[in-house]
Amino acid sequence: MAAQNLYFVAIIPPQNIREEVTAIKRDFAEHYNSHKALRVIPHITLKAPFKLYASAHTQLLNWFGEIPAAIDPFMIELNNFGAFANKDKPVIFINPVVNDYLIQLQSTIIHDFEKHYP
């Protein structure tokens, strides 16, 4: 059986925000034994994780480069914490405040993904 890779689409915040979030993640790791979170770069997920065959990697990169996302740069505010269930332990995250730009970007990515990868 051919190998599959795990992918997701996300916004990676600027370095200063990543450092602040990583400091919070370290604090959680020390106090709540959640060291696994330190392995993942701080991000805002736009398309949940999905698997594709390794042979589709270049095609996926091409798709991503051609997404018709004509959205002007926008600010994202982070506020409070949230959580969702995971197979081993819940995932704790900092809530991004949802705005129209974020919704439009995520919607564009998901709809275009579904067209190309049904």
PDB file of N, CA and C in Angstrom:
ATOM      1  N   MET A   1       0.847  -1.185   0.000  1.00  0.00           N
ATOM      2  CA  MET A   1       0.000   0.000   0.000  1.00  0.00           C
ATOM      3  C   MET A   1       0.886   1.241   0.000  1.00  0.00           C
ATOM      4  N   ALA A   2       0.536   2.226  -0.807  1.00  0.00           N
ATOM      5  CA  ALA A   2       1.328   3.452  -0.920  1.00  0.00           C
ATOM      6  C   ALA A   2       1.217   4.277   0.361  1.00  0.00           C
ATOM      7  N   ALA A   3       2.301   4.980   0.672  1.00  0.00           N
ATOM      8  CA  ALA A   3       2.346   5.804   1.881  1.00  0.00           C
ATOM      9  C   ALA A   3       1.471   7.040   1.733  1.00  0.00           C
ATOM     10  N   GLN A   4       0.871   7.429   2.842  1.00  0.00           N
ATOM     11  CA  GLN A   4       0.092   8.666   2.870  1.00  0.00           C
ATOM     12  C   GLN A   4       0.748   9.642   3.839  1.00  0.00           C
ATOM     13  N   ASN A   5       0.691  10.910   3.474  1.00  0.00           N
ATOM     14  CA  ASN A   5       1.207  11.967   4.335  1.00  0.00           C
ATOM     15  C   ASN A   5       0.034  12.692   4.975  1.00  0.00           C
ATOM     16  N   LEU A   6       0.280  13.249   6.156  1.00  0.00           N
ATOM     17  CA  LEU A   6      -0.733  14.026   6.858  1.00  0.00           C
ATOM     18  C   LEU A   6      -0.471  15.501   6.602  1.00  0.00           C
ATOM     19  N   TYR A   7      -1.509  16.232   6.203  1.00  0.00           N
ATOM     20  CA  TYR A   7      -1.407  17.658   5.890  1.00  0.00           C
ATOM     21  C   TYR A   7      -2.491  18.424   6.638  1.00  0.00           C
ATOM     22  N   PHE A   8      -2.292  19.708   6.779  1.00  0.00           N
ATOM     23  CA  PHE A   8      -3.354  20.624   7.172  1.00  0.00           C
ATOM     24  C   PHE A   8      -2.978  21.999   6.655  1.00  0.00           C
ATOM     25  N   VAL A   9      -3.957  22.902   6.566  1.00  0.00           N
ATOM     26  CA  VAL A   9      -3.711  24.257   6.086  1.00  0.00           C
ATOM     27  C   VAL A   9      -3.928  25.188   7.268  1.00  0.00           C
ATOM     28  N   ALA A  10      -2.966  26.074   7.501  1.00  0.00           N
ATOM     29  CA  ALA A  10      -3.041  26.938   8.680  1.00  0.00           C
ATOM     30  C   ALA A  10      -2.392  28.291   8.433  1.00  0.00           C
ATOM     31  N   ILE A  11      -2.769  29.240   9.267  1.00  0.00           N
ATOM     32  CA  ILE A  11      -2.102  30.540   9.325  1.00  0.00           C
ATOM     33  C   ILE A  11      -1.012  30.420  10.378  1.00  0.00           C
ATOM     34  N   ILE A  12       0.191  30.805  10.022  1.00  0.00           N
ATOM     35  CA  ILE A  12       1.301  30.832  10.976  1.00  0.00           C
ATOM     36  C   ILE A  12       1.472  32.289  11.400  1.00  0.00           C
ATOM     37  N   PRO A  13       1.316  32.587  12.690  1.00  0.00           N
ATOM     38  CA  PRO A  13       1.420  33.984  13.125  1.00  0.00           C
ATOM     39  C   PRO A  13       2.863  34.496  13.076  1.00  0.00           C
ATOM     40  N   PRO A  14       3.023  35.811  13.183  1.00  0.00           N
ATOM     41  CA  PRO A  14       4.370  36.394  13.203  1.00  0.00           C
ATOM     42  C   PRO A  14       5.192  35.851  14.377  1.00  0.00           C
ATOM     43  N   GLN A  15       6.497  35.964  14.259  1.00  0.00           N
ATOM     44  CA  GLN A  15       7.440  35.415  15.240  1.00  0.00           C
ATOM     45  C   GLN A  15       7.118  35.846  16.673  1.00  0.00           C
ATOM     46  N   ASN A  16       6.840  37.131  16.892  1.00  0.00           N
ATOM     47  CA  ASN A  16       6.600  37.597  18.260  1.00  0.00           C
ATOM     48  C   ASN A  16       5.368  36.935  18.875  1.00  0.00           C
ATOM     49  N   ILE A  17       4.349  36.702  18.082  1.00  0.00           N
ATOM     50  CA  ILE A  17       3.146  36.021  18.576  1.00  0.00           C
ATOM     51  C   ILE A  17       3.451  34.547  18.825  1.00  0.00           C
ATOM     52  N   ARG A  18       4.201  33.928  17.924  1.00  0.00           N
ATOM     53  CA  ARG A  18       4.580  32.510  18.124  1.00  0.00           C
ATOM     54  C   ARG A  18       5.348  32.343  19.426  1.00  0.00           C
ATOM     55  N   GLU A  19       6.242  33.286  19.724  1.00  0.00           N
ATOM     56  CA  GLU A  19       7.024  33.199  20.960  1.00  0.00           C
ATOM     57  C   GLU A  19       6.127  33.317  22.188  1.00  0.00           C
ATOM     58  N   GLU A  20       5.161  34.236  22.152  1.00  0.00           N
ATOM     59  CA  GLU A  20       4.235  34.385  23.279  1.00  0.00           C
ATOM     60  C   GLU A  20       3.395  33.123  23.468  1.00  0.00           C
ATOM     61  N   VAL A  21       2.888  32.585  22.375  1.00  0.00           N
ATOM     62  CA  VAL A  21       2.067  31.375  22.451  1.00  0.00           C
ATOM     63  C   VAL A  21       2.906  30.193  22.929  1.00  0.00           C
ATOM     64  N   THR A  22       4.132  30.094  22.454  1.00  0.00           N
ATOM     65  CA  THR A  22       5.013  29.003  22.887  1.00  0.00           C
ATOM     66  C   THR A  22       5.296  29.098  24.377  1.00  0.00           C
ATOM     67  N   ALA A  23       5.443  30.303  24.902  1.00  0.00           N
ATOM     68  CA  ALA A  23       5.648  30.474  26.348  1.00  0.00           C
ATOM     69  C   ALA A  23       4.430  29.959  27.119  1.00  0.00           C
ATOM     70  N   ILE A  24       3.241  30.235  26.621  1.00  0.00           N
ATOM     71  CA  ILE A  24       2.018  29.728  27.260  1.00  0.00           C
ATOM     72  C   ILE A  24       1.980  28.206  27.164  1.00  0.00           C
ATOM     73  N   LYS A  25       2.363  27.657  26.008  1.00  0.00           N
ATOM     74  CA  LYS A  25       2.383  26.203  25.830  1.00  0.00           C
ATOM     75  C   LYS A  25       3.375  25.546  26.788  1.00  0.00           C
ATOM     76  N   ARG A  26       4.525  26.191  27.000  1.00  0.00           N
ATOM     77  CA  ARG A  26       5.504  25.651  27.959  1.00  0.00           C
ATOM     78  C   ARG A  26       4.913  25.610  29.364  1.00  0.00           C
ATOM     79  N   ASP A  27       4.220  26.673  29.729  1.00  0.00           N
ATOM     80  CA  ASP A  27       3.589  26.735  31.045  1.00  0.00           C
ATOM     81  C   ASP A  27       2.570  25.603  31.196  1.00  0.00           C
ATOM     82  N   PHE A  28       1.746  25.388  30.179  1.00  0.00           N
ATOM     83  CA  PHE A  28       0.785  24.283  30.212  1.00  0.00           C
ATOM     84  C   PHE A  28       1.509  22.941  30.304  1.00  0.00           C
ATOM     85  N   ALA A  29       2.585  22.792  29.549  1.00  0.00           N
ATOM     86  CA  ALA A  29       3.340  21.534  29.554  1.00  0.00           C
ATOM     87  C   ALA A  29       3.870  21.222  30.948  1.00  0.00           C
ATOM     88  N   GLU A  30       4.388  22.246  31.614  1.00  0.00           N
ATOM     89  CA  GLU A  30       4.951  22.048  32.954  1.00  0.00           C
ATOM     90  C   GLU A  30       3.875  21.768  33.997  1.00  0.00           C
ATOM     91  N   HIS A  31       2.746  22.457  33.899  1.00  0.00           N
ATOM     92  CA  HIS A  31       1.716  22.332  34.929  1.00  0.00           C
ATOM     93  C   HIS A  31       0.701  21.224  34.670  1.00  0.00           C
ATOM     94  N   TYR A  32       0.511  20.848  33.403  1.00  0.00           N
ATOM     95  CA  TYR A  32      -0.548  19.888  33.077  1.00  0.00           C
ATOM     96  C   TYR A  32      -0.052  18.699  32.259  1.00  0.00           C
ATOM     97  N   ASN A  33       1.256  18.513  32.221  1.00  0.00           N
ATOM     98  CA  ASN A  33       1.851  17.376  31.526  1.00  0.00           C
ATOM     99  C   ASN A  33       1.362  17.271  30.077  1.00  0.00           C
ATOM    100  N   SER A  34       1.392  18.392  29.369  1.00  0.00           N
ATOM    101  CA  SER A  34       0.943  18.405  27.970  1.00  0.00           C
ATOM    102  C   SER A  34       2.104  18.756  27.046  1.00  0.00           C
ATOM    103  N   HIS A  35       3.166  17.993  27.142  1.00  0.00           N
ATOM    104  CA  HIS A  35       4.387  18.271  26.383  1.00  0.00           C
ATOM    105  C   HIS A  35       4.214  18.063  24.879  1.00  0.00           C
ATOM    106  N   LYS A  36       3.255  17.267  24.478  1.00  0.00           N
ATOM    107  CA  LYS A  36       3.043  16.994  23.054  1.00  0.00           C
ATOM    108  C   LYS A  36       2.748  18.282  22.279  1.00  0.00           C
ATOM    109  N   ALA A  37       2.085  19.231  22.915  1.00  0.00           N
ATOM    110  CA  ALA A  37       1.735  20.495  22.256  1.00  0.00           C
ATOM    111  C   ALA A  37       2.970  21.283  21.840  1.00  0.00           C
ATOM    112  N   LEU A  38       4.079  21.053  22.500  1.00  0.00           N
ATOM    113  CA  LEU A  38       5.300  21.800  22.176  1.00  0.00           C
ATOM    114  C   LEU A  38       5.903  21.370  20.839  1.00  0.00           C
ATOM    115  N   ARG A  39       5.462  20.245  20.304  1.00  0.00           N
ATOM    116  CA  ARG A  39       6.011  19.762  19.028  1.00  0.00           C
ATOM    117  C   ARG A  39       5.409  20.465  17.816  1.00  0.00           C
ATOM    118  N   VAL A  40       4.313  21.175  18.007  1.00  0.00           N
ATOM    119  CA  VAL A  40       3.600  21.795  16.890  1.00  0.00           C
ATOM    120  C   VAL A  40       3.767  23.310  16.954  1.00  0.00           C
ATOM    121  N   ILE A  41       4.136  23.907  15.820  1.00  0.00           N
ATOM    122  CA  ILE A  41       4.296  25.355  15.750  1.00  0.00           C
ATOM    123  C   ILE A  41       2.935  26.022  15.995  1.00  0.00           C
ATOM    124  N   PRO A  42       2.902  27.142  16.714  1.00  0.00           N
ATOM    125  CA  PRO A  42       1.629  27.843  16.896  1.00  0.00           C
ATOM    126  C   PRO A  42       1.004  28.187  15.538  1.00  0.00           C
ATOM    127  N   HIS A  43      -0.289  27.948  15.438  1.00  0.00           N
ATOM    128  CA  HIS A  43      -0.969  28.153  14.158  1.00  0.00           C
ATOM    129  C   HIS A  43      -2.468  28.296  14.378  1.00  0.00           C
ATOM    130  N   ILE A  44      -3.161  28.763  13.346  1.00  0.00           N
ATOM    131  CA  ILE A  44      -4.622  28.782  13.320  1.00  0.00           C
ATOM    132  C   ILE A  44      -5.030  27.887  12.158  1.00  0.00           C
ATOM    133  N   THR A  45      -5.676  26.789  12.469  1.00  0.00           N
ATOM    134  CA  THR A  45      -6.058  25.818  11.446  1.00  0.00           C
ATOM    135  C   THR A  45      -7.191  26.358  10.578  1.00  0.00           C
ATOM    136  N   LEU A  46      -6.975  26.293   9.269  1.00  0.00           N
ATOM    137  CA  LEU A  46      -8.004  26.689   8.310  1.00  0.00           C
ATOM    138  C   LEU A  46      -8.661  25.476   7.666  1.00  0.00           C
ATOM    139  N   LYS A  47      -7.893  24.404   7.496  1.00  0.00           N
ATOM    140  CA  LYS A  47      -8.399  23.143   6.931  1.00  0.00           C
ATOM    141  C   LYS A  47      -7.889  22.032   7.824  1.00  0.00           C
ATOM    142  N   ALA A  48      -8.806  21.308   8.421  1.00  0.00           N
ATOM    143  CA  ALA A  48      -8.452  20.236   9.351  1.00  0.00           C
ATOM    144  C   ALA A  48      -7.512  19.223   8.696  1.00  0.00           C
ATOM    145  N   PRO A  49      -6.762  18.494   9.520  1.00  0.00           N
ATOM    146  CA  PRO A  49      -5.826  17.507   8.971  1.00  0.00           C
ATOM    147  C   PRO A  49      -6.499  16.510   8.025  1.00  0.00           C
ATOM    148  N   PHE A  50      -5.758  16.171   6.974  1.00  0.00           N
ATOM    149  CA  PHE A  50      -6.229  15.219   5.973  1.00  0.00           C
ATOM    150  C   PHE A  50      -5.019  14.442   5.460  1.00  0.00           C
ATOM    151  N   LYS A  51      -5.288  13.272   4.907  1.00  0.00           N
ATOM    152  CA  LYS A  51      -4.213  12.437   4.365  1.00  0.00           C
ATOM    153  C   LYS A  51      -4.309  12.381   2.849  1.00  0.00           C
ATOM    154  N   LEU A  52      -3.143  12.417   2.218  1.00  0.00           N
ATOM    155  CA  LEU A  52      -3.034  12.223   0.774  1.00  0.00           C
ATOM    156  C   LEU A  52      -1.846  11.313   0.512  1.00  0.00           C
ATOM    157  N   TYR A  53      -1.906  10.614  -0.593  1.00  0.00           N
ATOM    158  CA  TYR A  53      -0.768   9.784  -0.970  1.00  0.00           C
ATOM    159  C   TYR A  53       0.447  10.671  -1.228  1.00  0.00           C
ATOM    160  N   ALA A  54       1.608  10.165  -0.881  1.00  0.00           N
ATOM    161  CA  ALA A  54       2.852  10.915  -1.052  1.00  0.00           C
ATOM    162  C   ALA A  54       3.029  11.375  -2.494  1.00  0.00           C
ATOM    163  N   SER A  55       2.529  10.603  -3.430  1.00  0.00           N
ATOM    164  CA  SER A  55       2.661  10.962  -4.845  1.00  0.00           C
ATOM    165  C   SER A  55       1.867  12.223  -5.206  1.00  0.00           C
ATOM    166  N   ALA A  56       0.940  12.647  -4.352  1.00  0.00           N
ATOM    167  CA  ALA A  56       0.121  13.837  -4.619  1.00  0.00           C
ATOM    168  C   ALA A  56       0.699  15.104  -3.994  1.00  0.00           C
ATOM    169  N   HIS A  57       1.872  15.005  -3.379  1.00  0.00           N
ATOM    170  CA  HIS A  57       2.462  16.149  -2.668  1.00  0.00           C
ATOM    171  C   HIS A  57       2.637  17.372  -3.572  1.00  0.00           C
ATOM    172  N   THR A  58       3.267  17.196  -4.717  1.00  0.00           N
ATOM    173  CA  THR A  58       3.507  18.322  -5.628  1.00  0.00           C
ATOM    174  C   THR A  58       2.191  18.892  -6.130  1.00  0.00           C
ATOM    175  N   GLN A  59       1.245  18.032  -6.437  1.00  0.00           N
ATOM    176  CA  GLN A  59      -0.076  18.484  -6.884  1.00  0.00           C
ATOM    177  C   GLN A  59      -0.743  19.329  -5.796  1.00  0.00           C
ATOM    178  N   LEU A  60      -0.621  18.914  -4.542  1.00  0.00           N
ATOM    179  CA  LEU A  60      -1.197  19.676  -3.433  1.00  0.00           C
ATOM    180  C   LEU A  60      -0.544  21.050  -3.318  1.00  0.00           C
ATOM    181  N   LEU A  61       0.767  21.108  -3.428  1.00  0.00           N
ATOM    182  CA  LEU A  61       1.463  22.401  -3.369  1.00  0.00           C
ATOM    183  C   LEU A  61       1.012  23.311  -4.508  1.00  0.00           C
ATOM    184  N   ASN A  62       0.853  22.751  -5.693  1.00  0.00           N
ATOM    185  CA  ASN A  62       0.367  23.537  -6.831  1.00  0.00           C
ATOM    186  C   ASN A  62      -1.052  24.044  -6.576  1.00  0.00           C
ATOM    187  N   TRP A  63      -1.906  23.165  -6.053  1.00  0.00           N
ATOM    188  CA  TRP A  63      -3.276  23.575  -5.722  1.00  0.00           C
ATOM    189  C   TRP A  63      -3.251  24.741  -4.746  1.00  0.00           C
ATOM    190  N   PHE A  64      -2.467  24.609  -3.702  1.00  0.00           N
ATOM    191  CA  PHE A  64      -2.433  25.652  -2.673  1.00  0.00           C
ATOM    192  C   PHE A  64      -1.942  26.978  -3.251  1.00  0.00           C
ATOM    193  N   GLY A  65      -0.977  26.926  -4.139  1.00  0.00           N
ATOM    194  CA  GLY A  65      -0.453  28.140  -4.756  1.00  0.00           C
ATOM    195  C   GLY A  65      -1.428  28.816  -5.693  1.00  0.00           C
ATOM    196  N   GLU A  66      -2.453  28.093  -6.115  1.00  0.00           N
ATOM    197  CA  GLU A  66      -3.419  28.631  -7.076  1.00  0.00           C
ATOM    198  C   GLU A  66      -4.789  28.936  -6.472  1.00  0.00           C
ATOM    199  N   ILE A  67      -4.931  28.817  -5.164  1.00  0.00           N
ATOM    200  CA  ILE A  67      -6.224  29.096  -4.532  1.00  0.00           C
ATOM    201  C   ILE A  67      -6.606  30.547  -4.807  1.00  0.00           C
ATOM    202  N   PRO A  68      -7.825  30.760  -5.273  1.00  0.00           N
ATOM    203  CA  PRO A  68      -8.244  32.133  -5.585  1.00  0.00           C
ATOM    204  C   PRO A  68      -8.658  32.899  -4.327  1.00  0.00           C
ATOM    205  N   ALA A  69      -7.722  33.141  -3.449  1.00  0.00           N
ATOM    206  CA  ALA A  69      -8.019  33.823  -2.185  1.00  0.00           C
ATOM    207  C   ALA A  69      -7.594  35.281  -2.265  1.00  0.00           C
ATOM    208  N   ALA A  70      -8.398  36.081  -2.924  1.00  0.00           N
ATOM    209  CA  ALA A  70      -8.096  37.508  -3.067  1.00  0.00           C
ATOM    210  C   ALA A  70      -8.618  38.249  -1.840  1.00  0.00           C
ATOM    211  N   ILE A  71      -7.963  38.028  -0.721  1.00  0.00           N
ATOM    212  CA  ILE A  71      -8.377  38.640   0.537  1.00  0.00           C
ATOM    213  C   ILE A  71      -7.263  39.569   0.995  1.00  0.00           C
ATOM    214  N   ASP A  72      -7.637  40.780   1.337  1.00  0.00           N
ATOM    215  CA  ASP A  72      -6.646  41.729   1.834  1.00  0.00           C
ATOM    216  C   ASP A  72      -6.106  41.253   3.177  1.00  0.00           C
ATOM    217  N   PRO A  73      -4.884  41.657   3.516  1.00  0.00           N
ATOM    218  CA  PRO A  73      -4.348  41.320   4.844  1.00  0.00           C
ATOM    219  C   PRO A  73      -5.315  41.792   5.936  1.00  0.00           C
ATOM    220  N   PHE A  74      -5.386  41.029   7.012  1.00  0.00           N
ATOM    221  CA  PHE A  74      -6.298  41.378   8.101  1.00  0.00           C
ATOM    222  C   PHE A  74      -5.686  40.995   9.436  1.00  0.00           C
ATOM    223  N   MET A  75      -6.215  41.579  10.488  1.00  0.00           N
ATOM    224  CA  MET A  75      -5.747  41.313  11.846  1.00  0.00           C
ATOM    225  C   MET A  75      -6.585  40.193  12.452  1.00  0.00           C
ATOM    226  N   ILE A  76      -5.945  39.414  13.302  1.00  0.00           N
ATOM    227  CA  ILE A  76      -6.649  38.381  14.056  1.00  0.00           C
ATOM    228  C   ILE A  76      -6.369  38.640  15.527  1.00  0.00           C
ATOM    229  N   GLU A  77      -7.436  38.723  16.288  1.00  0.00           N
ATOM    230  CA  GLU A  77      -7.319  38.923  17.730  1.00  0.00           C
ATOM    231  C   GLU A  77      -7.442  37.565  18.413  1.00  0.00           C
ATOM    232  N   LEU A  78      -6.631  37.337  19.432  1.00  0.00           N
ATOM    233  CA  LEU A  78      -6.711  36.102  20.212  1.00  0.00           C
ATOM    234  C   LEU A  78      -7.327  36.440  21.562  1.00  0.00           C
ATOM    235  N   ASN A  79      -8.271  35.589  22.014  1.00  0.00           N
ATOM    236  CA  ASN A  79      -8.988  35.906  23.241  1.00  0.00           C
ATOM    237  C   ASN A  79      -9.459  34.626  23.926  1.00  0.00           C
ATOM    238  N   ASN A  80      -8.997  34.412  25.134  1.00  0.00           N
ATOM    239  CA  ASN A  80      -9.407  33.272  25.959  1.00  0.00           C
ATOM    240  C   ASN A  80      -8.924  31.937  25.388  1.00  0.00           C
ATOM    241  N   PHE A  81      -9.357  30.870  26.022  1.00  0.00           N
ATOM    242  CA  PHE A  81      -8.954  29.529  25.635  1.00  0.00           C
ATOM    243  C   PHE A  81     -10.179  28.710  25.261  1.00  0.00           C
ATOM    244  N   GLY A  82      -9.937  27.683  24.473  1.00  0.00           N
ATOM    245  CA  GLY A  82     -10.974  26.735  24.113  1.00  0.00           C
ATOM    246  C   GLY A  82     -10.366  25.345  24.119  1.00  0.00           C
ATOM    247  N   ALA A  83     -11.178  24.335  23.869  1.00  0.00           N
ATOM    248  CA  ALA A  83     -10.679  22.958  23.827  1.00  0.00           C
ATOM    249  C   ALA A  83     -11.583  22.124  22.933  1.00  0.00           C
ATOM    250  N   PHE A  84     -11.003  21.047  22.404  1.00  0.00           N
ATOM    251  CA  PHE A  84     -11.810  20.064  21.687  1.00  0.00           C
ATOM    252  C   PHE A  84     -11.247  18.684  21.972  1.00  0.00           C
ATOM    253  N   ALA A  85     -12.106  17.680  21.840  1.00  0.00           N
ATOM    254  CA  ALA A  85     -11.718  16.303  22.142  1.00  0.00           C
ATOM    255  C   ALA A  85     -10.704  15.805  21.127  1.00  0.00           C
ATOM    256  N   ASN A  86      -9.819  14.967  21.599  1.00  0.00           N
ATOM    257  CA  ASN A  86      -8.826  14.306  20.769  1.00  0.00           C
ATOM    258  C   ASN A  86      -8.790  12.854  21.235  1.00  0.00           C
ATOM    259  N   LYS A  87      -8.228  11.957  20.425  1.00  0.00           N
ATOM    260  CA  LYS A  87      -8.285  10.533  20.789  1.00  0.00           C
ATOM    261  C   LYS A  87      -7.578  10.224  22.104  1.00  0.00           C
ATOM    262  N   ASP A  88      -6.513  10.941  22.445  1.00  0.00           N
ATOM    263  CA  ASP A  88      -5.789  10.668  23.684  1.00  0.00           C
ATOM    264  C   ASP A  88      -6.123  11.672  24.786  1.00  0.00           C
ATOM    265  N   LYS A  89      -5.950  12.935  24.477  1.00  0.00           N
ATOM    266  CA  LYS A  89      -6.193  14.001  25.452  1.00  0.00           C
ATOM    267  C   LYS A  89      -6.832  15.172  24.723  1.00  0.00           C
ATOM    268  N   PRO A  90      -7.596  15.988  25.445  1.00  0.00           N
ATOM    269  CA  PRO A  90      -8.186  17.146  24.772  1.00  0.00           C
ATOM    270  C   PRO A  90      -7.109  18.117  24.293  1.00  0.00           C
ATOM    271  N   VAL A  91      -7.429  18.839  23.245  1.00  0.00           N
ATOM    272  CA  VAL A  91      -6.536  19.863  22.713  1.00  0.00           C
ATOM    273  C   VAL A  91      -7.012  21.202  23.260  1.00  0.00           C
ATOM    274  N   ILE A  92      -6.107  21.929  23.884  1.00  0.00           N
ATOM    275  CA  ILE A  92      -6.400  23.258  24.413  1.00  0.00           C
ATOM    276  C   ILE A  92      -5.795  24.267  23.455  1.00  0.00           C
ATOM    277  N   PHE A  93      -6.528  25.325  23.161  1.00  0.00           N
ATOM    278  CA  PHE A  93      -6.027  26.324  22.224  1.00  0.00           C
ATOM    279  C   PHE A  93      -6.434  27.721  22.666  1.00  0.00           C
ATOM    280  N   ILE A  94      -5.765  28.715  22.097  1.00  0.00           N
ATOM    281  CA  ILE A  94      -6.144  30.104  22.310  1.00  0.00           C
ATOM    282  C   ILE A  94      -7.140  30.449  21.211  1.00  0.00           C
ATOM    283  N   ASN A  95      -8.284  30.965  21.611  1.00  0.00           N
ATOM    284  CA  ASN A  95      -9.353  31.264  20.659  1.00  0.00           C
ATOM    285  C   ASN A  95      -9.020  32.443  19.761  1.00  0.00           C
ATOM    286  N   PRO A  96      -9.042  32.251  18.446  1.00  0.00           N
ATOM    287  CA  PRO A  96      -8.988  33.419  17.564  1.00  0.00           C
ATOM    288  C   PRO A  96     -10.395  34.022  17.509  1.00  0.00           C
ATOM    289  N   VAL A  97     -10.470  35.331  17.587  1.00  0.00           N
ATOM    290  CA  VAL A  97     -11.766  35.993  17.469  1.00  0.00           C
ATOM    291  C   VAL A  97     -12.164  35.930  15.995  1.00  0.00           C
ATOM    292  N   VAL A  98     -13.293  35.296  15.743  1.00  0.00           N
ATOM    293  CA  VAL A  98     -13.738  35.096  14.363  1.00  0.00           C
ATOM    294  C   VAL A  98     -14.163  36.436  13.767  1.00  0.00           C
ATOM    295  N   ASN A  99     -13.707  36.673  12.539  1.00  0.00           N
ATOM    296  CA  ASN A  99     -14.132  37.873  11.817  1.00  0.00           C
ATOM    297  C   ASN A  99     -14.453  37.479  10.375  1.00  0.00           C
ATOM    298  N   ASP A 100     -15.046  38.404   9.637  1.00  0.00           N
ATOM    299  CA  ASP A 100     -15.480  38.094   8.267  1.00  0.00           C
ATOM    300  C   ASP A 100     -14.328  37.669   7.365  1.00  0.00           C
ATOM    301  N   TYR A 101     -13.156  38.277   7.546  1.00  0.00           N
ATOM    302  CA  TYR A 101     -11.998  37.940   6.709  1.00  0.00           C
ATOM    303  C   TYR A 101     -11.548  36.499   6.953  1.00  0.00           C
ATOM    304  N   LEU A 102     -11.495  36.121   8.218  1.00  0.00           N
ATOM    305  CA  LEU A 102     -11.082  34.762   8.566  1.00  0.00           C
ATOM    306  C   LEU A 102     -12.092  33.747   8.029  1.00  0.00           C
ATOM    307  N   ILE A 103     -13.365  34.048   8.175  1.00  0.00           N
ATOM    308  CA  ILE A 103     -14.410  33.157   7.658  1.00  0.00           C
ATOM    309  C   ILE A 103     -14.299  33.028   6.142  1.00  0.00           C
ATOM    310  N   GLN A 104     -14.089  34.144   5.455  1.00  0.00           N
ATOM    311  CA  GLN A 104     -13.981  34.115   3.992  1.00  0.00           C
ATOM    312  C   GLN A 104     -12.768  33.302   3.546  1.00  0.00           C
ATOM    313  N   LEU A 105     -11.638  33.503   4.205  1.00  0.00           N
ATOM    314  CA  LEU A 105     -10.427  32.762   3.847  1.00  0.00           C
ATOM    315  C   LEU A 105     -10.627  31.266   4.057  1.00  0.00           C
ATOM    316  N   GLN A 106     -11.143  30.889   5.223  1.00  0.00           N
ATOM    317  CA  GLN A 106     -11.359  29.475   5.511  1.00  0.00           C
ATOM    318  C   GLN A 106     -12.369  28.870   4.543  1.00  0.00           C
ATOM    319  N   SER A 107     -13.439  29.571   4.280  1.00  0.00           N
ATOM    320  CA  SER A 107     -14.462  29.078   3.359  1.00  0.00           C
ATOM    321  C   SER A 107     -13.892  28.868   1.957  1.00  0.00           C
ATOM    322  N   THR A 108     -13.102  29.821   1.488  1.00  0.00           N
ATOM    323  CA  THR A 108     -12.484  29.704   0.164  1.00  0.00           C
ATOM    324  C   THR A 108     -11.596  28.471   0.092  1.00  0.00           C
ATOM    325  N   ILE A 109     -10.774  28.274   1.107  1.00  0.00           N
ATOM    326  CA  ILE A 109      -9.852  27.128   1.120  1.00  0.00           C
ATOM    327  C   ILE A 109     -10.621  25.811   1.157  1.00  0.00           C
ATOM    328  N   ILE A 110     -11.598  25.709   2.039  1.00  0.00           N
ATOM    329  CA  ILE A 110     -12.341  24.454   2.171  1.00  0.00           C
ATOM    330  C   ILE A 110     -13.121  24.136   0.895  1.00  0.00           C
ATOM    331  N   HIS A 111     -13.820  25.121   0.336  1.00  0.00           N
ATOM    332  CA  HIS A 111     -14.601  24.873  -0.878  1.00  0.00           C
ATOM    333  C   HIS A 111     -13.701  24.490  -2.052  1.00  0.00           C
ATOM    334  N   ASP A 112     -12.587  25.182  -2.192  1.00  0.00           N
ATOM    335  CA  ASP A 112     -11.680  24.869  -3.294  1.00  0.00           C
ATOM    336  C   ASP A 112     -11.042  23.493  -3.094  1.00  0.00           C
ATOM    337  N   PHE A 113     -10.721  23.150  -1.853  1.00  0.00           N
ATOM    338  CA  PHE A 113     -10.159  21.831  -1.557  1.00  0.00           C
ATOM    339  C   PHE A 113     -11.161  20.742  -1.945  1.00  0.00           C
ATOM    340  N   GLU A 114     -12.414  20.940  -1.569  1.00  0.00           N
ATOM    341  CA  GLU A 114     -13.441  19.934  -1.868  1.00  0.00           C
ATOM    342  C   GLU A 114     -13.653  19.757  -3.370  1.00  0.00           C
ATOM    343  N   LYS A 115     -13.451  20.831  -4.138  1.00  0.00           N
ATOM    344  CA  LYS A 115     -13.556  20.721  -5.602  1.00  0.00           C
ATOM    345  C   LYS A 115     -12.413  19.885  -6.176  1.00  0.00           C
ATOM    346  N   HIS A 116     -11.215  20.071  -5.650  1.00  0.00           N
ATOM    347  CA  HIS A 116     -10.036  19.395  -6.193  1.00  0.00           C
ATOM    348  C   HIS A 116      -9.759  18.031  -5.556  1.00  0.00           C
ATOM    349  N   TYR A 117     -10.240  17.826  -4.342  1.00  0.00           N
ATOM    350  CA  TYR A 117     -10.009  16.564  -3.625  1.00  0.00           C
ATOM    351  C   TYR A 117     -11.330  16.076  -3.035  1.00  0.00           C
ATOM    352  N   PRO A 118     -12.250  15.627  -3.905  1.00  0.00           N
ATOM    353  CA  PRO A 118     -13.599  15.239  -3.428  1.00  0.00           C
ATOM    354  C   PRO A 118     -13.610  14.030  -2.522  1.00  0.00           C
TER     355      PRO A 118
END
